[in-house]
Amino acid sequence: AFAGRENEDEPMTDEERKMLPVAKDIAEQIKSGKSGLGEVEIVGAEAIVFDPAVRIAGTIDLVARAADGTVILVDHKTNRDLYKRNGGFHGPASGIDATAFGDYELQLNLYRRLAVRNGFFGLNEDTPVKMFINYLDHEGRQKFVPVSDRTDVVDEMVRYAHGHLARF
């Protein structure tokens, strides 16, 4: 089921229709055990998370729950060159690797923060969460790359952004 739907008969958006085969493939990789994540239940795909207090929203490609209660967040990327250098970060994120993967790492951590702070998927501060970037490598194989917990960096970035938003 897609997050935010009143019922499963509601028509899909173009974005959902485009993402559905990718989400199904990722889900099959996870369910089959080929991802190395173990046995999981799929909780949602194209799941929207948001925090009205800071006016930030995002979409998590796949949310799953492991048998031990750990929530797994997966963000699928079409970029096959995750480690290409980019312009870099400043301020609270200056210690993050200046690559596409660094960008994605911050993005998925932000989505985690939004989900935890607003109780999406039953998440709270004590819920164990694992995050992964999923992409196809240059040979076309699915890869699941673990994402580090950057809660401290994301919290600082959100505080900074919220301070600036409050001025508008």
N, C-alpha and C. Protein backbone atom coordinates (compact mmCIF):
# COMPACT_ATOMS: atom_id res chain seq x y z
N ALA A 1 0.84 -1.18 0.00
CA ALA A 1 0.00 0.00 0.00
C ALA A 1 0.88 1.24 0.00
N PHE A 2 0.45 2.25 -0.70
CA PHE A 2 1.19 3.50 -0.74
C PHE A 2 0.74 4.37 0.42
N ALA A 3 1.69 5.03 1.05
CA ALA A 3 1.38 5.88 2.20
C ALA A 3 0.45 7.01 1.79
N GLY A 4 -0.46 7.37 2.68
CA GLY A 4 -1.32 8.50 2.45
C GLY A 4 -2.59 8.19 1.68
N ARG A 5 -2.82 6.96 1.31
CA ARG A 5 -4.02 6.58 0.57
C ARG A 5 -5.16 6.27 1.52
N GLU A 6 -6.34 6.71 1.13
CA GLU A 6 -7.54 6.36 1.89
C GLU A 6 -7.87 4.89 1.67
N ASN A 7 -7.71 4.42 0.43
CA ASN A 7 -7.95 3.00 0.13
C ASN A 7 -7.09 2.60 -1.06
N GLU A 8 -6.94 1.29 -1.23
CA GLU A 8 -6.06 0.79 -2.29
C GLU A 8 -6.63 0.99 -3.69
N ASP A 9 -7.92 1.33 -3.81
CA ASP A 9 -8.54 1.54 -5.11
C ASP A 9 -8.29 2.95 -5.66
N GLU A 10 -7.74 3.82 -4.82
CA GLU A 10 -7.46 5.19 -5.25
C GLU A 10 -6.42 5.15 -6.38
N PRO A 11 -6.63 5.91 -7.47
CA PRO A 11 -5.69 5.87 -8.60
C PRO A 11 -4.30 6.33 -8.19
N MET A 12 -3.29 5.73 -8.83
CA MET A 12 -1.90 6.12 -8.58
C MET A 12 -1.57 7.40 -9.34
N THR A 13 -0.66 8.16 -8.77
CA THR A 13 -0.13 9.33 -9.48
C THR A 13 0.86 8.82 -10.53
N ASP A 14 1.27 9.68 -11.45
CA ASP A 14 2.27 9.30 -12.45
C ASP A 14 3.57 8.88 -11.79
N GLU A 15 3.96 9.61 -10.74
CA GLU A 15 5.21 9.30 -10.03
C GLU A 15 5.12 7.92 -9.37
N GLU A 16 3.99 7.61 -8.74
CA GLU A 16 3.81 6.30 -8.12
C GLU A 16 3.83 5.20 -9.18
N ARG A 17 3.16 5.43 -10.29
CA ARG A 17 3.11 4.44 -11.37
C ARG A 17 4.53 4.16 -11.88
N LYS A 18 5.34 5.21 -12.01
CA LYS A 18 6.71 5.07 -12.48
C LYS A 18 7.58 4.31 -11.46
N MET A 19 7.35 4.57 -10.18
CA MET A 19 8.17 3.99 -9.13
C MET A 19 7.74 2.58 -8.74
N LEU A 20 6.50 2.20 -9.02
CA LEU A 20 5.98 0.91 -8.57
C LEU A 20 6.83 -0.28 -9.00
N PRO A 21 7.25 -0.40 -10.27
CA PRO A 21 8.08 -1.56 -10.63
C PRO A 21 9.41 -1.58 -9.89
N VAL A 22 9.99 -0.40 -9.66
CA VAL A 22 11.26 -0.32 -8.92
C VAL A 22 11.04 -0.75 -7.48
N ALA A 23 9.96 -0.24 -6.85
CA ALA A 23 9.67 -0.60 -5.46
C ALA A 23 9.40 -2.10 -5.34
N LYS A 24 8.67 -2.66 -6.31
CA LYS A 24 8.40 -4.11 -6.28
C LYS A 24 9.70 -4.90 -6.40
N ASP A 25 10.60 -4.45 -7.27
CA ASP A 25 11.88 -5.14 -7.44
C ASP A 25 12.71 -5.06 -6.16
N ILE A 26 12.76 -3.88 -5.56
CA ILE A 26 13.49 -3.73 -4.29
C ILE A 26 12.86 -4.63 -3.23
N ALA A 27 11.54 -4.62 -3.16
CA ALA A 27 10.83 -5.45 -2.17
C ALA A 27 11.14 -6.93 -2.38
N GLU A 28 11.15 -7.37 -3.63
CA GLU A 28 11.47 -8.78 -3.91
C GLU A 28 12.90 -9.11 -3.50
N GLN A 29 13.82 -8.20 -3.76
CA GLN A 29 15.22 -8.40 -3.36
C GLN A 29 15.30 -8.58 -1.84
N ILE A 30 14.56 -7.73 -1.12
CA ILE A 30 14.58 -7.79 0.34
C ILE A 30 13.90 -9.06 0.82
N LYS A 31 12.70 -9.33 0.32
CA LYS A 31 11.93 -10.50 0.77
C LYS A 31 12.65 -11.81 0.46
N SER A 32 13.35 -11.88 -0.66
CA SER A 32 14.04 -13.11 -1.05
C SER A 32 15.29 -13.36 -0.24
N GLY A 33 15.71 -12.35 0.53
CA GLY A 33 16.93 -12.49 1.31
C GLY A 33 18.18 -12.12 0.54
N LYS A 34 18.05 -11.80 -0.75
CA LYS A 34 19.21 -11.46 -1.58
C LYS A 34 19.85 -10.13 -1.18
N SER A 35 19.11 -9.31 -0.47
CA SER A 35 19.64 -8.00 -0.08
C SER A 35 20.58 -8.10 1.12
N GLY A 36 20.50 -9.21 1.84
CA GLY A 36 21.29 -9.36 3.06
C GLY A 36 20.63 -8.70 4.26
N LEU A 37 19.39 -8.22 4.12
CA LEU A 37 18.71 -7.53 5.22
C LEU A 37 17.89 -8.49 6.08
N GLY A 38 17.78 -9.74 5.66
CA GLY A 38 16.99 -10.70 6.42
C GLY A 38 15.52 -10.64 6.06
N GLU A 39 14.71 -11.43 6.77
CA GLU A 39 13.28 -11.49 6.50
C GLU A 39 12.58 -10.24 7.03
N VAL A 40 11.79 -9.61 6.17
CA VAL A 40 11.11 -8.37 6.55
C VAL A 40 9.68 -8.34 6.03
N GLU A 41 8.89 -7.45 6.62
CA GLU A 41 7.55 -7.15 6.15
C GLU A 41 7.61 -5.77 5.50
N ILE A 42 7.05 -5.63 4.31
CA ILE A 42 7.02 -4.34 3.63
C ILE A 42 5.90 -3.50 4.26
N VAL A 43 6.25 -2.33 4.75
CA VAL A 43 5.30 -1.43 5.41
C VAL A 43 4.74 -0.40 4.45
N GLY A 44 5.56 0.08 3.52
CA GLY A 44 5.10 1.09 2.59
C GLY A 44 6.09 1.33 1.47
N ALA A 45 5.59 1.89 0.38
CA ALA A 45 6.42 2.29 -0.75
C ALA A 45 6.00 3.69 -1.16
N GLU A 46 6.97 4.48 -1.59
CA GLU A 46 6.70 5.88 -1.92
C GLU A 46 5.99 6.55 -0.75
N ALA A 47 6.52 6.35 0.44
CA ALA A 47 5.91 6.82 1.68
C ALA A 47 6.32 8.27 1.96
N ILE A 48 5.34 9.14 2.02
CA ILE A 48 5.60 10.56 2.26
C ILE A 48 5.75 10.78 3.77
N VAL A 49 6.80 11.49 4.15
CA VAL A 49 7.02 11.90 5.53
C VAL A 49 7.16 13.42 5.55
N PHE A 50 6.71 14.04 6.64
CA PHE A 50 6.77 15.49 6.68
C PHE A 50 6.76 15.96 8.13
N ASP A 51 7.18 17.21 8.31
CA ASP A 51 7.13 17.86 9.61
C ASP A 51 6.61 19.27 9.37
N PRO A 52 5.34 19.51 9.71
CA PRO A 52 4.78 20.84 9.46
C PRO A 52 5.46 21.94 10.26
N ALA A 53 6.07 21.60 11.38
CA ALA A 53 6.72 22.62 12.20
C ALA A 53 7.90 23.27 11.48
N VAL A 54 8.60 22.48 10.67
CA VAL A 54 9.75 23.04 9.94
C VAL A 54 9.50 23.11 8.43
N ARG A 55 8.30 22.74 8.02
CA ARG A 55 7.89 22.82 6.62
C ARG A 55 8.83 22.06 5.69
N ILE A 56 9.10 20.81 6.04
CA ILE A 56 9.94 19.94 5.23
C ILE A 56 9.19 18.63 5.00
N ALA A 57 9.27 18.11 3.77
CA ALA A 57 8.65 16.84 3.43
C ALA A 57 9.57 16.07 2.49
N GLY A 58 9.37 14.76 2.44
CA GLY A 58 10.14 13.92 1.53
C GLY A 58 9.42 12.61 1.31
N THR A 59 9.95 11.81 0.40
CA THR A 59 9.34 10.53 0.07
C THR A 59 10.37 9.43 0.21
N ILE A 60 10.06 8.44 1.05
CA ILE A 60 10.94 7.28 1.24
C ILE A 60 10.47 6.21 0.26
N ASP A 61 11.38 5.67 -0.51
CA ASP A 61 11.01 4.71 -1.55
C ASP A 61 10.45 3.41 -0.98
N LEU A 62 11.04 2.89 0.10
CA LEU A 62 10.55 1.64 0.67
C LEU A 62 10.77 1.64 2.17
N VAL A 63 9.73 1.24 2.91
CA VAL A 63 9.81 1.10 4.37
C VAL A 63 9.47 -0.34 4.69
N ALA A 64 10.32 -0.99 5.48
CA ALA A 64 10.09 -2.38 5.87
C ALA A 64 10.33 -2.52 7.37
N ARG A 65 9.82 -3.60 7.94
CA ARG A 65 10.04 -3.88 9.36
C ARG A 65 10.57 -5.31 9.47
N ALA A 66 11.70 -5.45 10.17
CA ALA A 66 12.30 -6.76 10.41
C ALA A 66 11.57 -7.44 11.56
N ALA A 67 11.76 -8.74 11.68
CA ALA A 67 11.10 -9.53 12.73
C ALA A 67 11.42 -9.00 14.13
N ASP A 68 12.61 -8.42 14.31
CA ASP A 68 13.00 -7.91 15.64
C ASP A 68 12.47 -6.51 15.91
N GLY A 69 11.67 -5.94 14.98
CA GLY A 69 11.09 -4.61 15.16
C GLY A 69 11.89 -3.49 14.52
N THR A 70 13.08 -3.79 14.03
CA THR A 70 13.89 -2.77 13.37
C THR A 70 13.17 -2.29 12.11
N VAL A 71 13.09 -0.98 11.95
CA VAL A 71 12.51 -0.40 10.74
C VAL A 71 13.63 -0.16 9.75
N ILE A 72 13.38 -0.53 8.50
CA ILE A 72 14.37 -0.39 7.44
C ILE A 72 13.85 0.63 6.43
N LEU A 73 14.66 1.66 6.19
CA LEU A 73 14.33 2.69 5.22
C LEU A 73 15.26 2.52 4.03
N VAL A 74 14.68 2.45 2.83
CA VAL A 74 15.47 2.26 1.62
C VAL A 74 15.16 3.40 0.66
N ASP A 75 16.21 4.02 0.16
CA ASP A 75 16.06 5.08 -0.83
C ASP A 75 16.72 4.59 -2.11
N HIS A 76 15.93 4.44 -3.17
CA HIS A 76 16.46 3.95 -4.45
C HIS A 76 17.01 5.12 -5.25
N LYS A 77 18.18 4.92 -5.83
CA LYS A 77 18.79 5.95 -6.66
C LYS A 77 19.10 5.37 -8.03
N THR A 78 18.90 6.18 -9.05
CA THR A 78 19.23 5.75 -10.41
C THR A 78 20.67 6.10 -10.76
N ASN A 79 21.32 6.93 -9.94
CA ASN A 79 22.71 7.32 -10.14
C ASN A 79 23.60 6.10 -9.90
N ARG A 80 24.41 5.74 -10.86
CA ARG A 80 25.30 4.58 -10.70
C ARG A 80 26.68 4.98 -10.20
N ASP A 81 26.95 6.26 -10.10
CA ASP A 81 28.26 6.73 -9.66
C ASP A 81 28.11 7.47 -8.33
N LEU A 82 27.85 6.69 -7.27
CA LEU A 82 27.55 7.28 -5.96
C LEU A 82 28.74 8.00 -5.33
N TYR A 83 29.94 7.69 -5.76
CA TYR A 83 31.11 8.21 -5.07
C TYR A 83 31.87 9.27 -5.86
N LYS A 84 31.20 9.80 -6.89
CA LYS A 84 31.79 10.91 -7.65
C LYS A 84 31.82 12.15 -6.75
N ARG A 85 32.94 12.83 -6.75
CA ARG A 85 33.10 14.03 -5.92
C ARG A 85 32.19 15.15 -6.42
N ASN A 86 31.67 15.94 -5.46
CA ASN A 86 30.89 17.11 -5.83
C ASN A 86 31.42 18.32 -5.07
N GLY A 87 30.66 19.39 -5.04
CA GLY A 87 31.14 20.65 -4.47
C GLY A 87 31.40 20.66 -2.98
N GLY A 88 30.83 19.74 -2.24
CA GLY A 88 31.07 19.69 -0.80
C GLY A 88 30.00 20.40 0.01
N PHE A 89 30.16 20.30 1.32
CA PHE A 89 29.19 20.85 2.25
C PHE A 89 29.85 21.88 3.14
N HIS A 90 29.00 22.70 3.76
CA HIS A 90 29.48 23.72 4.68
C HIS A 90 28.69 23.61 5.98
N GLY A 91 29.08 24.37 6.97
CA GLY A 91 28.34 24.41 8.23
C GLY A 91 28.28 23.05 8.90
N PRO A 92 27.11 22.70 9.46
CA PRO A 92 26.99 21.45 10.22
C PRO A 92 27.34 20.20 9.41
N ALA A 93 27.20 20.26 8.08
CA ALA A 93 27.44 19.09 7.24
C ALA A 93 28.85 19.05 6.68
N SER A 94 29.74 19.94 7.13
CA SER A 94 31.08 20.01 6.54
C SER A 94 31.88 18.72 6.69
N GLY A 95 31.52 17.86 7.64
CA GLY A 95 32.23 16.59 7.82
C GLY A 95 31.70 15.46 6.96
N ILE A 96 30.65 15.70 6.19
CA ILE A 96 30.04 14.67 5.35
C ILE A 96 30.84 14.56 4.05
N ASP A 97 31.04 13.34 3.57
CA ASP A 97 31.77 13.10 2.34
C ASP A 97 31.12 13.86 1.18
N ALA A 98 31.92 14.60 0.44
CA ALA A 98 31.43 15.45 -0.65
C ALA A 98 31.22 14.64 -1.92
N THR A 99 30.26 13.71 -1.87
CA THR A 99 29.92 12.87 -3.01
C THR A 99 28.40 12.79 -3.11
N ALA A 100 27.93 12.19 -4.19
CA ALA A 100 26.48 11.95 -4.31
C ALA A 100 26.01 11.10 -3.13
N PHE A 101 26.82 10.12 -2.71
CA PHE A 101 26.43 9.29 -1.57
C PHE A 101 26.27 10.15 -0.31
N GLY A 102 27.14 11.12 -0.11
CA GLY A 102 27.02 12.02 1.03
C GLY A 102 25.71 12.79 0.99
N ASP A 103 25.33 13.25 -0.21
CA ASP A 103 24.03 13.94 -0.38
C ASP A 103 22.90 13.00 0.02
N TYR A 104 22.94 11.78 -0.49
CA TYR A 104 21.87 10.82 -0.24
C TYR A 104 21.83 10.40 1.22
N GLU A 105 23.00 10.30 1.83
CA GLU A 105 23.08 9.95 3.25
C GLU A 105 22.35 10.99 4.10
N LEU A 106 22.58 12.26 3.82
CA LEU A 106 21.89 13.33 4.55
C LEU A 106 20.40 13.31 4.26
N GLN A 107 20.03 13.09 3.01
CA GLN A 107 18.62 13.05 2.63
C GLN A 107 17.88 11.95 3.38
N LEU A 108 18.43 10.73 3.41
CA LEU A 108 17.74 9.63 4.08
C LEU A 108 17.71 9.84 5.59
N ASN A 109 18.76 10.43 6.15
CA ASN A 109 18.74 10.76 7.58
C ASN A 109 17.69 11.81 7.89
N LEU A 110 17.50 12.76 6.99
CA LEU A 110 16.44 13.76 7.18
C LEU A 110 15.07 13.07 7.17
N TYR A 111 14.86 12.16 6.23
CA TYR A 111 13.59 11.44 6.18
C TYR A 111 13.36 10.65 7.46
N ARG A 112 14.42 10.05 7.97
CA ARG A 112 14.32 9.32 9.24
C ARG A 112 13.89 10.26 10.35
N ARG A 113 14.52 11.43 10.41
CA ARG A 113 14.19 12.41 11.44
C ARG A 113 12.72 12.81 11.34
N LEU A 114 12.24 13.09 10.12
CA LEU A 114 10.85 13.48 9.93
C LEU A 114 9.92 12.37 10.40
N ALA A 115 10.24 11.13 10.05
CA ALA A 115 9.40 9.99 10.43
C ALA A 115 9.38 9.79 11.95
N VAL A 116 10.54 9.88 12.60
CA VAL A 116 10.62 9.68 14.05
C VAL A 116 9.89 10.80 14.78
N ARG A 117 10.15 12.04 14.41
CA ARG A 117 9.57 13.19 15.11
C ARG A 117 8.06 13.27 14.97
N ASN A 118 7.52 12.64 13.92
CA ASN A 118 6.08 12.74 13.66
C ASN A 118 5.36 11.40 13.75
N GLY A 119 6.07 10.36 14.22
CA GLY A 119 5.45 9.07 14.50
C GLY A 119 5.03 8.25 13.29
N PHE A 120 5.60 8.53 12.12
CA PHE A 120 5.27 7.73 10.94
C PHE A 120 5.77 6.30 11.14
N PHE A 121 5.00 5.33 10.67
CA PHE A 121 5.34 3.91 10.71
C PHE A 121 5.56 3.41 12.14
N GLY A 122 4.98 4.11 13.13
CA GLY A 122 5.14 3.73 14.53
C GLY A 122 6.53 4.01 15.07
N LEU A 123 7.30 4.82 14.37
CA LEU A 123 8.66 5.14 14.81
C LEU A 123 8.65 6.11 15.98
N ASN A 124 9.62 5.92 16.88
CA ASN A 124 9.90 6.89 17.93
C ASN A 124 11.40 6.87 18.17
N GLU A 125 11.87 7.67 19.11
CA GLU A 125 13.31 7.80 19.36
C GLU A 125 13.98 6.47 19.73
N ASP A 126 13.19 5.53 20.28
CA ASP A 126 13.76 4.25 20.73
C ASP A 126 13.69 3.15 19.68
N THR A 127 13.00 3.39 18.58
CA THR A 127 12.87 2.37 17.54
C THR A 127 14.19 2.21 16.80
N PRO A 128 14.69 0.98 16.73
CA PRO A 128 15.92 0.78 15.93
C PRO A 128 15.61 0.97 14.44
N VAL A 129 16.48 1.69 13.77
CA VAL A 129 16.29 1.98 12.34
C VAL A 129 17.59 1.67 11.60
N LYS A 130 17.46 1.01 10.46
CA LYS A 130 18.59 0.82 9.55
C LYS A 130 18.20 1.50 8.24
N MET A 131 19.18 2.15 7.63
CA MET A 131 18.93 2.89 6.39
C MET A 131 19.88 2.39 5.31
N PHE A 132 19.34 2.32 4.08
CA PHE A 132 20.14 1.83 2.95
C PHE A 132 19.84 2.65 1.71
N ILE A 133 20.90 2.89 0.94
CA ILE A 133 20.75 3.41 -0.41
C ILE A 133 20.78 2.18 -1.31
N ASN A 134 19.80 2.09 -2.20
CA ASN A 134 19.73 0.99 -3.16
C ASN A 134 19.98 1.57 -4.54
N TYR A 135 20.83 0.91 -5.29
CA TYR A 135 21.09 1.36 -6.66
C TYR A 135 21.56 0.17 -7.49
N LEU A 136 21.56 0.34 -8.80
CA LEU A 136 22.11 -0.66 -9.69
C LEU A 136 23.55 -0.29 -9.99
N ASP A 137 24.47 -1.25 -9.79
CA ASP A 137 25.87 -0.95 -10.08
C ASP A 137 26.09 -0.95 -11.60
N HIS A 138 27.32 -0.76 -12.02
CA HIS A 138 27.63 -0.65 -13.44
C HIS A 138 27.36 -1.95 -14.20
N GLU A 139 27.25 -3.06 -13.48
CA GLU A 139 26.91 -4.34 -14.11
C GLU A 139 25.41 -4.63 -14.02
N GLY A 140 24.62 -3.69 -13.48
CA GLY A 140 23.18 -3.87 -13.39
C GLY A 140 22.71 -4.68 -12.19
N ARG A 141 23.59 -4.90 -11.20
CA ARG A 141 23.21 -5.65 -10.00
C ARG A 141 22.70 -4.71 -8.92
N GLN A 142 21.63 -5.16 -8.21
CA GLN A 142 21.10 -4.38 -7.09
C GLN A 142 22.15 -4.34 -5.97
N LYS A 143 22.36 -3.17 -5.43
CA LYS A 143 23.27 -3.01 -4.29
C LYS A 143 22.52 -2.28 -3.18
N PHE A 144 22.73 -2.72 -1.95
CA PHE A 144 22.18 -2.06 -0.77
C PHE A 144 23.36 -1.58 0.06
N VAL A 145 23.54 -0.26 0.11
CA VAL A 145 24.67 0.32 0.82
C VAL A 145 24.16 0.91 2.13
N PRO A 146 24.70 0.45 3.28
CA PRO A 146 24.25 0.99 4.57
C PRO A 146 24.56 2.48 4.69
N VAL A 147 23.66 3.19 5.34
CA VAL A 147 23.80 4.63 5.58
C VAL A 147 24.05 4.84 7.07
N SER A 148 25.03 5.64 7.40
CA SER A 148 25.36 5.94 8.80
C SER A 148 24.32 6.85 9.43
N ASP A 149 24.19 6.75 10.74
CA ASP A 149 23.29 7.63 11.49
C ASP A 149 23.94 9.00 11.59
N ARG A 150 23.32 9.98 10.98
CA ARG A 150 23.80 11.37 11.00
C ARG A 150 22.77 12.28 11.66
N THR A 151 22.06 11.75 12.66
CA THR A 151 21.00 12.50 13.34
C THR A 151 21.51 13.84 13.84
N ASP A 152 22.70 13.86 14.43
CA ASP A 152 23.24 15.11 14.99
C ASP A 152 23.42 16.17 13.91
N VAL A 153 23.94 15.78 12.76
CA VAL A 153 24.15 16.72 11.66
C VAL A 153 22.81 17.22 11.12
N VAL A 154 21.88 16.29 10.91
CA VAL A 154 20.57 16.67 10.36
C VAL A 154 19.82 17.58 11.34
N ASP A 155 19.87 17.26 12.63
CA ASP A 155 19.21 18.12 13.62
C ASP A 155 19.77 19.54 13.58
N GLU A 156 21.07 19.65 13.47
CA GLU A 156 21.70 20.98 13.40
C GLU A 156 21.29 21.70 12.12
N MET A 157 21.24 20.99 11.00
CA MET A 157 20.84 21.60 9.74
C MET A 157 19.38 22.08 9.80
N VAL A 158 18.51 21.27 10.40
CA VAL A 158 17.10 21.64 10.51
C VAL A 158 16.93 22.85 11.42
N ARG A 159 17.66 22.87 12.54
CA ARG A 159 17.60 24.05 13.43
C ARG A 159 18.03 25.31 12.69
N TYR A 160 19.10 25.19 11.92
CA TYR A 160 19.60 26.33 11.15
C TYR A 160 18.55 26.78 10.13
N ALA A 161 18.01 25.81 9.36
CA ALA A 161 17.01 26.14 8.34
C ALA A 161 15.74 26.70 8.97
N HIS A 162 15.30 26.12 10.08
CA HIS A 162 14.08 26.59 10.74
C HIS A 162 14.25 28.02 11.23
N GLY A 163 15.42 28.34 11.73
CA GLY A 163 15.70 29.72 12.17
C GLY A 163 15.56 30.70 11.02
N HIS A 164 16.02 30.31 9.85
CA HIS A 164 15.91 31.18 8.69
C HIS A 164 14.47 31.22 8.16
N LEU A 165 13.76 30.10 8.21
CA LEU A 165 12.37 30.07 7.74
C LEU A 165 11.47 30.95 8.63
N ALA A 166 11.78 31.00 9.92
CA ALA A 166 10.97 31.77 10.87
C ALA A 166 10.96 33.26 10.53
N ARG A 167 11.95 33.70 9.78
CA ARG A 167 12.05 35.12 9.42
C ARG A 167 11.10 35.50 8.29
N PHE A 168 10.56 34.51 7.57
CA PHE A 168 9.69 34.80 6.42
C PHE A 168 8.27 35.00 6.85
